[in-house]
């Protein structure tokens, strides 16, 4: 009897099994959204591709929008944050951060989901809202907190934070919009040097 109980416990999914299944579902869903577009993706199709039941998928995600939002968050949770190291100046931190976020957004997965929102956001405004909320949570808020800590952003506003992000991503955004090759690692670093200098000291001294 004890052996039977032990075998039953051994066969039960563990918390790690659950995390791996969830991660697999999100990988499949991101691929489906990127390849097919938001309109064409179905919950049933994702479930079949991920080899899980439709009920399992709906138990975790209420609808297609919540699944898409989870896909955004699964990637954005890995976004770089201002990384303060020993003996760093503010300029060091911002230069490293600027290059890191542009490189992160240049990944194939990030680019494809971003283009999906751009293409289909007019028909599905909820995608734009989800992407905007995601950007605020994972990009704007962490940087705003750092800038406030060093006296470069005022309490109750994120205007300077958004200005810095716009500057940091300007070269990347231009190349994506006009279908030009993405910046090389050296070009990312050069752009970061330029915009951080302008942000901290103005164009005349950068």
N, C-alpha and C. Protein backbone atom coordinates (compact mmCIF):
# COMPACT_ATOMS: atom_id res chain seq x y z
N UNK A 1 0.83 -1.20 0.00
CA UNK A 1 0.00 0.00 0.00
C UNK A 1 0.86 1.25 0.00
N UNK A 2 1.91 1.23 0.88
CA UNK A 2 2.82 2.37 0.94
C UNK A 2 3.54 2.56 -0.37
N UNK A 3 3.93 1.42 -1.01
CA UNK A 3 4.63 1.50 -2.29
C UNK A 3 3.73 2.11 -3.34
N UNK A 4 2.43 1.75 -3.33
CA UNK A 4 1.49 2.31 -4.29
C UNK A 4 1.35 3.81 -4.11
N UNK A 5 1.25 4.26 -2.85
CA UNK A 5 1.14 5.69 -2.57
C UNK A 5 2.38 6.44 -3.03
N UNK A 6 3.55 5.83 -2.80
CA UNK A 6 4.80 6.47 -3.22
C UNK A 6 4.87 6.59 -4.73
N UNK A 7 4.41 5.54 -5.42
CA UNK A 7 4.42 5.57 -6.88
C UNK A 7 3.48 6.65 -7.40
N UNK A 8 2.32 6.79 -6.72
CA UNK A 8 1.36 7.81 -7.14
C UNK A 8 1.96 9.20 -6.98
N UNK A 9 2.62 9.41 -5.80
CA UNK A 9 3.23 10.71 -5.58
C UNK A 9 4.32 10.98 -6.61
N UNK A 10 5.06 9.95 -6.93
CA UNK A 10 6.14 10.11 -7.90
C UNK A 10 5.61 10.49 -9.27
N UNK A 11 4.41 10.00 -9.61
CA UNK A 11 3.86 10.27 -10.93
C UNK A 11 3.16 11.61 -11.05
N UNK A 12 2.93 12.28 -9.93
CA UNK A 12 2.23 13.55 -9.98
C UNK A 12 3.15 14.64 -10.54
N UNK A 13 2.58 15.56 -11.34
CA UNK A 13 3.40 16.66 -11.85
C UNK A 13 3.93 17.52 -10.71
N UNK A 14 5.16 17.90 -10.79
CA UNK A 14 5.76 18.77 -9.78
C UNK A 14 5.57 20.23 -10.18
N UNK A 15 5.92 21.12 -9.25
CA UNK A 15 5.85 22.55 -9.56
C UNK A 15 6.76 22.89 -10.73
N UNK A 16 7.92 22.24 -10.80
CA UNK A 16 8.84 22.48 -11.90
C UNK A 16 8.24 22.00 -13.22
N UNK A 17 7.55 20.86 -13.19
CA UNK A 17 6.86 20.37 -14.39
C UNK A 17 5.87 21.42 -14.87
N UNK A 18 5.13 22.00 -13.93
CA UNK A 18 4.15 23.02 -14.28
C UNK A 18 4.79 24.24 -14.90
N UNK A 19 5.92 24.68 -14.35
CA UNK A 19 6.61 25.84 -14.90
C UNK A 19 7.14 25.55 -16.30
N UNK A 20 7.64 24.35 -16.51
CA UNK A 20 8.15 23.99 -17.83
C UNK A 20 7.03 23.93 -18.86
N UNK A 21 5.89 23.39 -18.44
CA UNK A 21 4.75 23.32 -19.36
C UNK A 21 4.29 24.73 -19.74
N UNK A 22 4.21 25.61 -18.74
CA UNK A 22 3.80 26.98 -19.00
C UNK A 22 4.78 27.68 -19.93
N UNK A 23 6.07 27.49 -19.69
CA UNK A 23 7.08 28.11 -20.54
C UNK A 23 6.96 27.60 -21.97
N UNK A 24 6.70 26.30 -22.12
CA UNK A 24 6.55 25.71 -23.45
C UNK A 24 5.34 26.29 -24.17
N UNK A 25 4.24 26.44 -23.45
CA UNK A 25 3.03 27.02 -24.05
C UNK A 25 3.32 28.42 -24.57
N UNK A 26 4.04 29.21 -23.79
CA UNK A 26 4.31 30.58 -24.20
C UNK A 26 5.27 30.64 -25.37
N UNK A 27 6.23 29.73 -25.43
CA UNK A 27 7.13 29.67 -26.59
C UNK A 27 6.32 29.37 -27.85
N UNK A 28 5.45 28.38 -27.75
CA UNK A 28 4.61 28.02 -28.89
C UNK A 28 3.70 29.18 -29.28
N UNK A 29 3.09 29.82 -28.29
CA UNK A 29 2.18 30.92 -28.58
C UNK A 29 2.91 32.08 -29.25
N UNK A 30 4.11 32.41 -28.77
CA UNK A 30 4.88 33.49 -29.39
C UNK A 30 5.20 33.16 -30.85
N UNK A 31 5.55 31.91 -31.10
CA UNK A 31 5.82 31.49 -32.48
C UNK A 31 4.58 31.60 -33.34
N UNK A 32 3.43 31.19 -32.80
CA UNK A 32 2.19 31.26 -33.55
C UNK A 32 1.80 32.70 -33.86
N UNK A 33 1.87 33.57 -32.86
CA UNK A 33 1.54 34.97 -33.10
C UNK A 33 2.49 35.60 -34.12
N UNK A 34 3.77 35.29 -34.01
CA UNK A 34 4.76 35.86 -34.92
C UNK A 34 4.57 35.38 -36.35
N UNK A 35 4.25 34.10 -36.51
CA UNK A 35 4.15 33.51 -37.85
C UNK A 35 2.79 33.76 -38.51
N UNK A 36 1.72 33.70 -37.72
CA UNK A 36 0.37 33.76 -38.29
C UNK A 36 -0.30 35.11 -38.14
N UNK A 37 0.14 35.90 -37.17
CA UNK A 37 -0.55 37.15 -36.87
C UNK A 37 -1.63 36.93 -35.83
N UNK A 38 -2.01 38.02 -35.17
CA UNK A 38 -2.97 37.91 -34.07
C UNK A 38 -4.32 37.39 -34.54
N UNK A 39 -4.81 37.92 -35.65
CA UNK A 39 -6.14 37.54 -36.13
C UNK A 39 -6.25 36.04 -36.38
N UNK A 40 -5.22 35.45 -36.95
CA UNK A 40 -5.31 34.05 -37.39
C UNK A 40 -5.08 33.04 -36.26
N UNK A 41 -4.48 33.48 -35.18
CA UNK A 41 -4.19 32.54 -34.08
C UNK A 41 -5.47 32.19 -33.34
N UNK A 42 -5.61 30.92 -32.99
CA UNK A 42 -6.74 30.47 -32.17
C UNK A 42 -6.21 29.77 -30.93
N UNK A 43 -7.01 29.79 -29.88
CA UNK A 43 -6.63 29.09 -28.66
C UNK A 43 -6.50 27.59 -28.93
N UNK A 44 -7.41 27.05 -29.72
CA UNK A 44 -7.35 25.63 -30.05
C UNK A 44 -6.06 25.30 -30.80
N UNK A 45 -5.70 26.17 -31.74
CA UNK A 45 -4.49 25.93 -32.51
C UNK A 45 -3.24 25.95 -31.64
N UNK A 46 -3.18 26.89 -30.70
CA UNK A 46 -2.04 26.95 -29.79
C UNK A 46 -1.99 25.70 -28.92
N UNK A 47 -3.15 25.29 -28.41
CA UNK A 47 -3.21 24.10 -27.56
C UNK A 47 -2.71 22.87 -28.31
N UNK A 48 -3.16 22.70 -29.54
CA UNK A 48 -2.74 21.54 -30.33
C UNK A 48 -1.24 21.58 -30.59
N UNK A 49 -0.73 22.75 -30.94
CA UNK A 49 0.70 22.87 -31.24
C UNK A 49 1.54 22.63 -29.99
N UNK A 50 1.02 23.03 -28.84
CA UNK A 50 1.76 22.86 -27.58
C UNK A 50 1.52 21.50 -26.94
N UNK A 51 0.65 20.70 -27.57
CA UNK A 51 0.33 19.35 -27.07
C UNK A 51 -0.28 19.40 -25.66
N UNK A 52 -1.20 20.35 -25.47
CA UNK A 52 -1.97 20.42 -24.23
C UNK A 52 -3.44 20.50 -24.60
N UNK A 53 -4.30 20.24 -23.65
CA UNK A 53 -5.73 20.33 -23.92
C UNK A 53 -6.17 21.79 -23.98
N UNK A 54 -7.25 22.04 -24.71
CA UNK A 54 -7.80 23.39 -24.76
C UNK A 54 -8.22 23.84 -23.37
N UNK A 55 -8.76 22.91 -22.58
CA UNK A 55 -9.17 23.24 -21.22
C UNK A 55 -7.97 23.71 -20.40
N UNK A 56 -6.84 23.03 -20.54
CA UNK A 56 -5.63 23.44 -19.81
C UNK A 56 -5.25 24.86 -20.17
N UNK A 57 -5.33 25.18 -21.46
CA UNK A 57 -4.97 26.53 -21.90
C UNK A 57 -5.93 27.57 -21.33
N UNK A 58 -7.23 27.28 -21.40
CA UNK A 58 -8.21 28.23 -20.88
C UNK A 58 -8.18 28.33 -19.36
N UNK A 59 -7.73 27.28 -18.69
CA UNK A 59 -7.59 27.37 -17.24
C UNK A 59 -6.53 28.39 -16.84
N UNK A 60 -5.57 28.59 -17.73
CA UNK A 60 -4.47 29.53 -17.43
C UNK A 60 -4.71 30.90 -18.06
N UNK A 61 -5.31 30.93 -19.24
CA UNK A 61 -5.51 32.18 -19.96
C UNK A 61 -6.98 32.32 -20.36
N UNK A 62 -7.57 33.41 -19.96
CA UNK A 62 -9.00 33.60 -20.17
C UNK A 62 -9.38 33.66 -21.65
N UNK A 63 -8.52 34.29 -22.44
CA UNK A 63 -8.82 34.47 -23.86
C UNK A 63 -7.51 34.72 -24.62
N UNK A 64 -7.64 34.98 -25.91
CA UNK A 64 -6.46 35.16 -26.74
C UNK A 64 -5.66 36.39 -26.33
N UNK A 65 -6.34 37.45 -25.92
CA UNK A 65 -5.63 38.65 -25.51
C UNK A 65 -4.78 38.39 -24.27
N UNK A 66 -5.32 37.67 -23.30
CA UNK A 66 -4.54 37.38 -22.09
C UNK A 66 -3.34 36.49 -22.42
N UNK A 67 -3.49 35.62 -23.40
CA UNK A 67 -2.36 34.79 -23.84
C UNK A 67 -1.31 35.66 -24.53
N UNK A 68 -1.75 36.59 -25.38
CA UNK A 68 -0.81 37.48 -26.04
C UNK A 68 -0.08 38.36 -25.02
N UNK A 69 -0.82 38.87 -24.04
CA UNK A 69 -0.21 39.69 -23.00
C UNK A 69 0.84 38.90 -22.23
N UNK A 70 0.55 37.63 -21.96
CA UNK A 70 1.53 36.78 -21.27
C UNK A 70 2.77 36.57 -22.13
N UNK A 71 2.59 36.49 -23.44
CA UNK A 71 3.74 36.36 -24.34
C UNK A 71 4.62 37.61 -24.27
N UNK A 72 3.99 38.78 -24.25
CA UNK A 72 4.76 40.01 -24.11
C UNK A 72 5.54 40.01 -22.80
N UNK A 73 4.87 39.63 -21.72
CA UNK A 73 5.50 39.68 -20.41
C UNK A 73 6.62 38.65 -20.28
N UNK A 74 6.46 37.51 -20.93
CA UNK A 74 7.49 36.47 -20.81
C UNK A 74 8.81 36.94 -21.40
N UNK A 75 8.74 37.78 -22.43
CA UNK A 75 9.96 38.34 -22.99
C UNK A 75 10.44 39.56 -22.24
N UNK A 76 9.50 40.41 -21.84
CA UNK A 76 9.87 41.67 -21.21
C UNK A 76 10.41 41.49 -19.80
N UNK A 77 10.08 40.40 -19.15
CA UNK A 77 10.61 40.15 -17.81
C UNK A 77 12.13 40.06 -17.83
N UNK A 78 12.70 39.78 -19.01
CA UNK A 78 14.15 39.68 -19.15
C UNK A 78 14.77 41.01 -19.56
N UNK A 79 13.97 42.06 -19.66
CA UNK A 79 14.50 43.36 -20.07
C UNK A 79 15.60 43.80 -19.10
N UNK A 80 16.65 44.41 -19.64
CA UNK A 80 17.69 44.93 -18.76
C UNK A 80 17.16 46.07 -17.90
N UNK A 81 17.72 46.22 -16.73
CA UNK A 81 17.42 47.34 -15.84
C UNK A 81 18.71 48.11 -15.60
N UNK A 82 18.60 49.34 -15.19
CA UNK A 82 19.84 50.08 -14.88
C UNK A 82 20.71 49.28 -13.91
N UNK A 83 21.91 48.99 -14.34
CA UNK A 83 22.82 48.10 -13.61
C UNK A 83 23.92 48.94 -12.97
N UNK A 84 23.78 49.19 -11.68
CA UNK A 84 24.75 50.03 -10.98
C UNK A 84 25.85 49.16 -10.39
N UNK A 85 27.08 49.40 -10.83
CA UNK A 85 28.23 48.64 -10.36
C UNK A 85 29.15 49.53 -9.54
N UNK A 86 30.05 48.90 -8.81
CA UNK A 86 30.97 49.66 -7.96
C UNK A 86 31.75 50.68 -8.79
N UNK A 87 31.83 51.89 -8.28
CA UNK A 87 32.59 52.99 -8.89
C UNK A 87 32.01 53.48 -10.21
N UNK A 88 30.79 53.08 -10.55
CA UNK A 88 30.14 53.57 -11.76
C UNK A 88 29.70 55.02 -11.59
N UNK A 89 29.83 55.78 -12.65
CA UNK A 89 29.19 57.09 -12.72
C UNK A 89 27.79 56.92 -13.30
N UNK A 90 26.96 57.94 -13.18
CA UNK A 90 25.64 57.90 -13.80
C UNK A 90 25.79 57.69 -15.31
N UNK A 91 26.77 58.33 -15.89
CA UNK A 91 27.00 58.18 -17.33
C UNK A 91 27.31 56.73 -17.69
N UNK A 92 28.11 56.06 -16.89
CA UNK A 92 28.42 54.65 -17.14
C UNK A 92 27.15 53.81 -17.14
N UNK A 93 26.30 54.02 -16.14
CA UNK A 93 25.08 53.23 -16.00
C UNK A 93 24.15 53.47 -17.19
N UNK A 94 23.96 54.73 -17.55
CA UNK A 94 23.03 55.05 -18.64
C UNK A 94 23.57 54.60 -19.99
N UNK A 95 24.88 54.70 -20.18
CA UNK A 95 25.46 54.24 -21.44
C UNK A 95 25.27 52.74 -21.61
N UNK A 96 25.53 51.99 -20.56
CA UNK A 96 25.37 50.54 -20.61
C UNK A 96 23.89 50.17 -20.81
N UNK A 97 23.02 50.87 -20.11
CA UNK A 97 21.59 50.59 -20.20
C UNK A 97 21.05 50.90 -21.59
N UNK A 98 21.45 52.03 -22.15
CA UNK A 98 20.98 52.43 -23.48
C UNK A 98 21.32 51.38 -24.53
N UNK A 99 22.56 50.92 -24.53
CA UNK A 99 22.96 49.90 -25.50
C UNK A 99 22.23 48.59 -25.25
N UNK A 100 22.02 48.25 -23.98
CA UNK A 100 21.39 46.97 -23.65
C UNK A 100 19.94 46.89 -24.10
N UNK A 101 19.17 47.97 -23.92
CA UNK A 101 17.76 47.89 -24.32
C UNK A 101 17.62 47.83 -25.84
N UNK A 102 18.47 48.55 -26.56
CA UNK A 102 18.40 48.49 -28.01
C UNK A 102 18.77 47.10 -28.52
N UNK A 103 19.77 46.49 -27.91
CA UNK A 103 20.14 45.13 -28.30
C UNK A 103 19.02 44.15 -27.98
N UNK A 104 18.39 44.31 -26.83
CA UNK A 104 17.29 43.41 -26.43
C UNK A 104 16.14 43.48 -27.43
N UNK A 105 15.78 44.69 -27.84
CA UNK A 105 14.67 44.86 -28.77
C UNK A 105 15.02 44.42 -30.18
N UNK A 106 16.28 44.16 -30.43
CA UNK A 106 16.70 43.69 -31.75
C UNK A 106 16.63 42.18 -31.89
N UNK A 107 16.25 41.48 -30.83
CA UNK A 107 16.10 40.03 -30.94
C UNK A 107 14.97 39.70 -31.89
N UNK A 108 15.05 38.56 -32.53
CA UNK A 108 14.05 38.18 -33.53
C UNK A 108 12.65 38.15 -32.94
N UNK A 109 12.52 37.58 -31.77
CA UNK A 109 11.21 37.45 -31.13
C UNK A 109 10.61 38.82 -30.82
N UNK A 110 11.42 39.73 -30.26
CA UNK A 110 10.92 41.06 -29.93
C UNK A 110 10.52 41.83 -31.18
N UNK A 111 11.32 41.72 -32.22
CA UNK A 111 11.01 42.41 -33.46
C UNK A 111 9.70 41.92 -34.07
N UNK A 112 9.51 40.62 -34.07
CA UNK A 112 8.32 40.06 -34.71
C UNK A 112 7.05 40.41 -33.95
N UNK A 113 7.09 40.37 -32.63
CA UNK A 113 5.91 40.76 -31.86
C UNK A 113 5.66 42.26 -31.99
N UNK A 114 6.73 43.05 -32.02
CA UNK A 114 6.56 44.49 -32.21
C UNK A 114 5.92 44.81 -33.55
N UNK A 115 6.34 44.14 -34.60
CA UNK A 115 5.75 44.36 -35.92
C UNK A 115 4.30 43.91 -35.96
N UNK A 116 3.98 42.86 -35.22
CA UNK A 116 2.59 42.41 -35.15
C UNK A 116 1.70 43.51 -34.58
N UNK A 117 2.14 44.13 -33.49
CA UNK A 117 1.36 45.21 -32.89
C UNK A 117 1.23 46.37 -33.87
N UNK A 118 2.30 46.69 -34.58
CA UNK A 118 2.28 47.78 -35.55
C UNK A 118 1.31 47.48 -36.69
N UNK A 119 1.32 46.25 -37.20
CA UNK A 119 0.47 45.89 -38.34
C UNK A 119 -1.00 45.77 -37.96
N UNK A 120 -1.28 45.16 -36.81
CA UNK A 120 -2.65 44.81 -36.48
C UNK A 120 -3.27 45.67 -35.39
N UNK A 121 -2.50 46.63 -34.88
CA UNK A 121 -3.01 47.47 -33.81
C UNK A 121 -4.21 48.30 -34.20
N UNK A 122 -4.31 48.67 -35.48
CA UNK A 122 -5.46 49.44 -35.93
C UNK A 122 -6.75 48.65 -35.84
N UNK A 123 -6.67 47.36 -36.14
CA UNK A 123 -7.85 46.50 -36.06
C UNK A 123 -8.09 45.98 -34.65
N UNK A 124 -7.03 45.87 -33.88
CA UNK A 124 -7.13 45.35 -32.51
C UNK A 124 -6.45 46.33 -31.55
N UNK A 125 -7.13 47.43 -31.20
CA UNK A 125 -6.50 48.43 -30.32
C UNK A 125 -6.09 47.88 -28.97
N UNK A 126 -6.69 46.76 -28.57
CA UNK A 126 -6.29 46.16 -27.30
C UNK A 126 -4.83 45.70 -27.32
N UNK A 127 -4.31 45.40 -28.51
CA UNK A 127 -2.90 45.03 -28.62
C UNK A 127 -2.00 46.21 -28.29
N UNK A 128 -2.40 47.38 -28.78
CA UNK A 128 -1.62 48.60 -28.52
C UNK A 128 -1.63 48.91 -27.03
N UNK A 129 -2.80 48.78 -26.41
CA UNK A 129 -2.89 49.04 -24.97
C UNK A 129 -2.02 48.06 -24.18
N UNK A 130 -2.06 46.79 -24.58
CA UNK A 130 -1.26 45.78 -23.89
C UNK A 130 0.23 46.07 -24.04
N UNK A 131 0.65 46.46 -25.25
CA UNK A 131 2.06 46.76 -25.48
C UNK A 131 2.49 48.01 -24.72
N UNK A 132 1.61 49.01 -24.66
CA UNK A 132 1.92 50.24 -23.95
C UNK A 132 2.06 49.98 -22.45
N UNK A 133 1.14 49.20 -21.89
CA UNK A 133 1.22 48.86 -20.46
C UNK A 133 2.48 48.05 -20.16
N UNK A 134 2.82 47.16 -21.10
CA UNK A 134 4.03 46.35 -20.93
C UNK A 134 5.28 47.22 -20.93
N UNK A 135 5.33 48.17 -21.85
CA UNK A 135 6.48 49.06 -21.92
C UNK A 135 6.60 49.91 -20.65
N UNK A 136 5.46 50.39 -20.16
CA UNK A 136 5.49 51.20 -18.94
C UNK A 136 6.04 50.39 -17.76
N UNK A 137 5.57 49.16 -17.64
CA UNK A 137 5.96 48.33 -16.50
C UNK A 137 7.42 47.91 -16.55
N UNK A 138 7.89 47.49 -17.71
CA UNK A 138 9.21 46.87 -17.79
C UNK A 138 10.32 47.80 -18.29
N UNK A 139 9.92 48.90 -18.93
CA UNK A 139 10.94 49.79 -19.50
C UNK A 139 10.94 51.14 -18.79
N UNK A 140 9.77 51.78 -18.75
CA UNK A 140 9.70 53.14 -18.21
C UNK A 140 9.89 53.16 -16.69
N UNK A 141 9.13 52.36 -15.97
CA UNK A 141 9.15 52.45 -14.50
C UNK A 141 10.51 52.13 -13.88
N UNK A 142 11.21 51.06 -14.33
CA UNK A 142 12.53 50.81 -13.73
C UNK A 142 13.53 51.93 -13.99
N UNK A 143 13.50 52.49 -15.22
CA UNK A 143 14.44 53.57 -15.52
C UNK A 143 14.06 54.84 -14.75
N UNK A 144 12.76 55.13 -14.66
CA UNK A 144 12.33 56.32 -13.92
C UNK A 144 12.77 56.24 -12.46
N UNK A 145 12.67 55.06 -11.88
CA UNK A 145 13.09 54.89 -10.48
C UNK A 145 14.58 55.19 -10.33
N UNK A 146 15.38 54.71 -11.28
CA UNK A 146 16.82 54.99 -11.20
C UNK A 146 17.10 56.48 -11.39
N UNK A 147 16.47 57.09 -12.40
CA UNK A 147 16.73 58.50 -12.65
C UNK A 147 16.31 59.37 -11.46
N UNK A 148 15.22 59.01 -10.80
CA UNK A 148 14.83 59.76 -9.60
C UNK A 148 15.88 59.60 -8.50
N UNK A 149 16.45 58.42 -8.41
CA UNK A 149 17.43 58.16 -7.34
C UNK A 149 18.69 58.99 -7.51
N UNK A 150 18.96 59.45 -8.74
CA UNK A 150 20.16 60.26 -8.98
C UNK A 150 19.79 61.70 -9.33
N UNK A 151 18.53 62.07 -9.10
CA UNK A 151 18.10 63.46 -9.28
C UNK A 151 17.86 63.88 -10.71
N UNK A 152 17.65 62.93 -11.62
CA UNK A 152 17.44 63.27 -13.03
C UNK A 152 15.99 63.14 -13.48
N UNK A 153 15.11 62.75 -12.60
CA UNK A 153 13.68 62.69 -12.90
C UNK A 153 12.92 63.19 -11.69
N UNK A 154 11.85 63.94 -11.94
CA UNK A 154 11.06 64.49 -10.85
C UNK A 154 10.02 63.49 -10.38
N UNK A 155 9.66 63.59 -9.11
CA UNK A 155 8.61 62.73 -8.57
C UNK A 155 7.29 63.04 -9.26
N UNK A 156 6.52 61.98 -9.53
CA UNK A 156 5.21 62.17 -10.12
C UNK A 156 5.20 62.35 -11.62
N UNK A 157 6.34 62.25 -12.27
CA UNK A 157 6.39 62.38 -13.72
C UNK A 157 7.42 61.40 -14.28
N UNK A 158 7.28 61.09 -15.56
CA UNK A 158 8.27 60.24 -16.22
C UNK A 158 8.68 60.85 -17.56
N UNK A 159 8.51 62.16 -17.69
CA UNK A 159 8.77 62.83 -18.96
C UNK A 159 10.23 62.69 -19.40
N UNK A 160 11.16 62.90 -18.48
CA UNK A 160 12.58 62.79 -18.85
C UNK A 160 12.95 61.33 -19.14
N UNK A 161 12.33 60.43 -18.42
CA UNK A 161 12.57 59.00 -18.66
C UNK A 161 12.18 58.64 -20.08
N UNK A 162 10.98 59.06 -20.49
CA UNK A 162 10.51 58.74 -21.85
C UNK A 162 11.37 59.42 -22.90
N UNK A 163 11.84 60.62 -22.60
CA UNK A 163 12.74 61.29 -23.53
C UNK A 163 14.03 60.50 -23.70
N UNK A 164 14.58 60.01 -22.60
CA UNK A 164 15.81 59.22 -22.69
C UNK A 164 15.58 57.95 -23.51
N UNK A 165 14.48 57.26 -23.26
CA UNK A 165 14.18 56.03 -24.00
C UNK A 165 14.03 56.32 -25.49
N UNK A 166 13.35 57.42 -25.82
CA UNK A 166 13.19 57.78 -27.23
C UNK A 166 14.54 58.04 -27.88
N UNK A 167 15.42 58.71 -27.17
CA UNK A 167 16.76 58.96 -27.69
C UNK A 167 17.55 57.66 -27.83
N UNK A 168 17.46 56.82 -26.83
CA UNK A 168 18.21 55.56 -26.85
C UNK A 168 17.80 54.67 -28.01
N UNK A 169 16.52 54.70 -28.36
CA UNK A 169 16.01 53.80 -29.39
C UNK A 169 15.87 54.46 -30.76
N UNK A 170 16.27 55.71 -30.89
CA UNK A 170 16.02 56.45 -32.13
C UNK A 170 16.70 55.81 -33.34
N UNK A 171 17.97 55.44 -33.21
CA UNK A 171 18.68 54.83 -34.34
C UNK A 171 18.11 53.46 -34.66
N UNK A 172 17.86 52.67 -33.64
CA UNK A 172 17.25 51.34 -33.82
C UNK A 172 15.90 51.47 -34.51
N UNK A 173 15.07 52.40 -34.04
CA UNK A 173 13.72 52.57 -34.59
C UNK A 173 13.77 53.01 -36.04
N UNK A 174 14.68 53.89 -36.36
CA UNK A 174 14.82 54.36 -37.74
C UNK A 174 15.19 53.21 -38.67
N UNK A 175 16.09 52.37 -38.25
CA UNK A 175 16.51 51.26 -39.10
C UNK A 175 15.41 50.22 -39.27
N UNK A 176 14.67 49.96 -38.19
CA UNK A 176 13.55 49.01 -38.30
C UNK A 176 12.48 49.56 -39.22
N UNK A 177 12.13 50.85 -39.06
CA UNK A 177 11.06 51.45 -39.84
C UNK A 177 11.37 51.47 -41.33
N UNK A 178 12.63 51.70 -41.68
CA UNK A 178 13.00 51.82 -43.08
C UNK A 178 13.72 50.58 -43.62
N UNK A 179 13.57 49.47 -42.88
CA UNK A 179 14.07 48.17 -43.33
C UNK A 179 15.56 48.18 -43.64
N UNK A 180 16.31 48.91 -42.86
CA UNK A 180 17.76 48.93 -43.01
C UNK A 180 18.38 47.95 -42.03
N UNK A 181 19.63 47.52 -42.27
CA UNK A 181 20.27 46.58 -41.34
C UNK A 181 20.32 47.14 -39.93
N UNK A 182 20.10 46.27 -38.96
CA UNK A 182 20.16 46.70 -37.57
C UNK A 182 21.58 47.10 -37.19
N UNK A 183 21.73 47.96 -36.19
CA UNK A 183 23.07 48.38 -35.78
C UNK A 183 23.94 47.21 -35.33
N UNK A 184 25.22 47.33 -35.55
CA UNK A 184 26.18 46.37 -35.03
C UNK A 184 26.41 46.66 -33.55
N UNK A 185 27.03 45.73 -32.81
CA UNK A 185 27.34 46.02 -31.40
C UNK A 185 28.14 47.31 -31.22
N UNK A 186 29.07 47.56 -32.12
CA UNK A 186 29.86 48.79 -32.02
C UNK A 186 29.00 50.02 -32.26
N UNK A 187 28.05 49.92 -33.19
CA UNK A 187 27.16 51.05 -33.46
C UNK A 187 26.20 51.29 -32.29
N UNK A 188 25.75 50.22 -31.66
CA UNK A 188 24.93 50.39 -30.45
C UNK A 188 25.70 51.19 -29.40
N UNK A 189 26.96 50.83 -29.18
CA UNK A 189 27.78 51.49 -28.17
C UNK A 189 28.02 52.96 -28.53
N UNK A 190 28.31 53.21 -29.80
CA UNK A 190 28.55 54.59 -30.25
C UNK A 190 27.31 55.45 -30.06
N UNK A 191 26.15 54.91 -30.42
CA UNK A 191 24.90 55.66 -30.25
C UNK A 191 24.63 55.93 -28.77
N UNK A 192 24.90 54.94 -27.94
CA UNK A 192 24.71 55.13 -26.50
C UNK A 192 25.60 56.25 -25.97
N UNK A 193 26.86 56.28 -26.40
CA UNK A 193 27.76 57.36 -25.98
C UNK A 193 27.19 58.72 -26.36
N UNK A 194 26.69 58.81 -27.61
CA UNK A 194 26.18 60.09 -28.12
C UNK A 194 24.97 60.57 -27.34
N UNK A 195 23.98 59.71 -27.18
CA UNK A 195 22.73 60.18 -26.59
C UNK A 195 22.86 60.42 -25.09
N UNK A 196 23.69 59.64 -24.42
CA UNK A 196 23.88 59.87 -22.98
C UNK A 196 24.57 61.21 -22.75
N UNK A 197 25.55 61.53 -23.60
CA UNK A 197 26.21 62.83 -23.49
C UNK A 197 25.24 63.97 -23.69
N UNK A 198 24.36 63.84 -24.69
CA UNK A 198 23.36 64.89 -24.95
C UNK A 198 22.37 64.98 -23.79
N UNK A 199 21.93 63.84 -23.29
CA UNK A 199 20.95 63.83 -22.20
C UNK A 199 21.50 64.48 -20.94
N UNK A 200 22.76 64.23 -20.63
CA UNK A 200 23.33 64.74 -19.39
C UNK A 200 23.90 66.15 -19.52
N UNK A 201 24.46 66.49 -20.70
CA UNK A 201 25.20 67.76 -20.80
C UNK A 201 24.73 68.67 -21.91
N UNK A 202 23.86 68.18 -22.80
CA UNK A 202 23.40 69.01 -23.90
C UNK A 202 24.19 68.76 -25.17
N UNK A 203 23.60 69.17 -26.30
CA UNK A 203 24.18 68.87 -27.61
C UNK A 203 25.51 69.57 -27.83
N UNK A 204 25.71 70.73 -27.24
CA UNK A 204 26.94 71.49 -27.51
C UNK A 204 28.18 70.83 -26.93
N UNK A 205 27.99 69.99 -25.92
CA UNK A 205 29.16 69.38 -25.27
C UNK A 205 29.27 67.89 -25.52
N UNK A 206 28.28 67.29 -26.19
CA UNK A 206 28.28 65.83 -26.39
C UNK A 206 29.29 65.43 -27.45
